[in-house]
Protein backbone atom coordinates (compact mmCIF):
# COMPACT_ATOMS: atom_id res chain seq x y z
CA MET A 1 0.12 -0.33 -0.31
CA ALA A 2 1.33 3.00 -1.12
CA PHE A 3 1.01 6.17 1.02
CA ARG A 4 1.42 9.78 0.17
CA THR A 5 1.88 12.86 2.63
CA THR A 6 0.10 16.26 2.23
CA SER A 7 -0.39 19.14 4.04
CA HIS A 8 -3.11 21.19 5.05
CA ASN A 9 -2.85 23.97 6.77
CA GLY A 10 0.39 23.15 8.52
CA ILE A 11 -1.09 19.48 9.39
CA PRO A 12 0.10 16.37 7.92
CA ILE A 13 -2.48 14.46 6.11
CA HIS A 14 -1.34 10.55 5.22
CA HIS A 15 -3.18 9.09 2.46
CA ALA A 16 -3.76 5.75 1.76
CA ASN A 17 -6.53 4.70 -0.32
CA HIS A 18 -8.56 7.73 0.00
CA LEU A 19 -8.44 7.12 4.07
CA ILE A 20 -7.17 10.19 5.39
CA ALA A 21 -5.59 10.44 9.13
CA ALA A 22 -5.23 14.21 10.40
CA ARG A 23 -5.30 15.15 13.77
CA ARG A 24 -5.19 13.46 16.93
CA SER A 25 -5.83 16.03 19.82
CA PHE A 26 -8.26 18.81 19.86
CA TYR A 27 -7.33 22.34 18.34
CA TRP A 28 -9.59 25.86 18.01
CA GLY A 29 -10.41 27.30 14.90
CA HIS A 30 -13.05 26.99 12.12
CA ASN A 31 -11.26 25.47 9.42
CA THR A 32 -12.76 21.90 10.08
CA VAL A 33 -14.70 18.83 8.83
CA ILE A 34 -17.51 17.40 10.44
CA LEU A 35 -19.51 14.24 9.69
CA PHE A 36 -19.83 15.09 5.77
CA ASP A 37 -16.75 15.75 3.47
CA HIS A 38 -15.88 19.32 2.92
CA TRP A 39 -18.61 20.43 5.62
CA PRO A 40 -17.93 23.07 7.03
CA GLY A 41 -15.17 23.74 5.38
CA ASN A 42 -13.27 27.39 5.87
CA ASN A 43 -16.43 29.30 5.83
CA PRO A 44 -17.17 30.87 9.29
CA ALA A 45 -20.60 31.31 8.87
CA MET A 46 -20.68 27.61 8.23
CA TYR A 47 -18.97 26.72 10.96
CA ALA A 48 -21.05 28.52 13.55
CA LEU A 49 -23.87 26.45 11.68
CA ALA A 50 -21.83 23.27 12.14
CA ILE A 51 -21.62 23.82 16.11
CA ILE A 52 -26.06 24.98 16.44
CA PHE A 53 -26.23 21.67 14.52
CA VAL A 54 -24.14 19.80 17.11
CA PHE A 55 -25.72 21.41 19.82
CA CYS A 56 -29.30 20.43 18.57
CA LEU A 57 -28.37 16.63 18.07
CA ALA A 58 -26.80 16.53 21.69
CA PHE A 59 -30.25 18.23 22.69
CA LEU A 60 -32.31 15.74 20.66
CA VAL A 61 -30.65 12.83 22.11
CA GLU A 62 -31.57 13.85 25.79
CA LEU A 63 -35.11 14.35 24.70
CA LEU A 64 -35.19 10.80 23.55
CA ILE A 65 -33.78 9.84 26.54
CA GLY A 66 -36.28 10.81 28.54
CA PHE A 67 -39.16 10.10 25.88
CA GLU A 68 -40.84 6.49 26.73
CA PHE A 69 -44.54 5.29 26.77
CA THR A 70 -45.59 4.41 30.01
CA LYS A 71 -48.81 2.39 28.67
CA PRO A 72 -48.95 -0.14 26.45
CA GLY A 73 -51.70 0.91 23.37
CA PRO A 74 -54.28 -1.39 22.20
CA THR A 75 -51.21 -3.67 21.28
CA LYS A 76 -48.19 -4.78 22.68
CA VAL A 77 -46.82 -5.23 19.64
CA GLY A 78 -47.20 -1.35 18.28
CA PHE A 79 -46.02 -0.41 21.53
CA CYS A 80 -42.73 -2.62 21.68
CA LEU A 81 -42.06 -1.25 17.90
CA LEU A 82 -42.90 2.77 18.90
CA ASN A 83 -40.54 2.27 21.24
CA THR A 84 -37.89 0.16 19.14
CA GLY A 85 -38.07 3.18 16.97
CA VAL A 86 -37.54 6.34 19.36
CA TYR A 87 -34.37 3.76 20.56
CA MET A 88 -32.93 2.99 17.22
CA MET A 89 -33.22 7.61 16.76
CA ARG A 90 -31.81 8.16 19.80
CA ALA A 91 -28.93 5.55 18.94
CA ALA A 92 -28.20 6.91 15.44
CA LEU A 93 -28.22 10.75 16.72
CA SER A 94 -25.69 9.50 19.67
CA TYR A 95 -23.25 8.33 17.23
CA MET A 96 -23.46 11.35 14.97
CA VAL A 97 -22.84 13.68 18.16
CA MET A 98 -19.69 10.97 18.96
CA LEU A 99 -18.86 11.41 15.19
CA ALA A 100 -18.61 15.05 15.34
CA VAL A 101 -16.87 15.24 17.94
CA VAL A 102 -14.52 13.04 16.84
CA SER A 103 -13.37 15.72 14.57
CA TYR A 104 -11.62 17.00 17.51
CA ASN A 105 -12.57 20.68 16.99
CA GLY A 106 -13.00 22.07 20.43
CA GLY A 107 -16.12 24.62 19.63
CA ILE A 108 -17.83 21.49 18.26
CA PHE A 109 -17.27 19.71 21.65
CA LEU A 110 -18.67 22.31 23.67
CA ALA A 111 -21.14 22.49 21.26
CA ALA A 112 -21.66 18.79 21.59
CA VAL A 113 -21.47 18.76 25.67
CA GLY A 114 -23.73 21.95 26.36
CA GLY A 115 -26.34 20.18 23.79
CA HIS A 116 -26.51 17.64 26.52
CA ALA A 117 -26.34 19.51 29.32
CA VAL A 118 -29.35 21.73 27.97
CA GLY A 119 -31.17 19.33 27.26
CA PHE A 120 -30.31 17.10 30.62
CA LEU A 121 -31.38 20.20 32.67
CA ILE A 122 -34.99 20.91 30.74
CA PHE A 123 -35.73 17.37 30.16
CA ARG A 124 -34.45 15.37 33.15
CA SER A 125 -33.25 16.60 35.96
CA TRP A 126 -35.24 17.71 39.06
CA ALA A 127 -35.54 21.36 38.38
CA ALA A 128 -37.23 20.17 35.39
CA ARG A 129 -39.93 18.84 37.52
């Protein structure tokens, strides 16, 4: 397997069959890639949108953690399918938040933690009851 090394803003990137290994420590700045190729790129407005997006994802995870039906409906099968669907959404959103944090961007990390914290405060803390 042949490797070639290039540089992106002074950070070496090693390419091997389209696999990229980049940053391995937290950094601050808007020039990053989160979840999707070339997004948000180096546009500060898109970076702000990415922070809001990750915050909302983490907030929705907390909403779905507290979301559970207490009474089965007319059929137990429908009840189980509905709870399974909610669980699948929660798992998918949780993995998306995790993948965003793995970008090692400090702003994205703080947005994820903040989204979880605000969601917990609103939906699951004793103060919300």
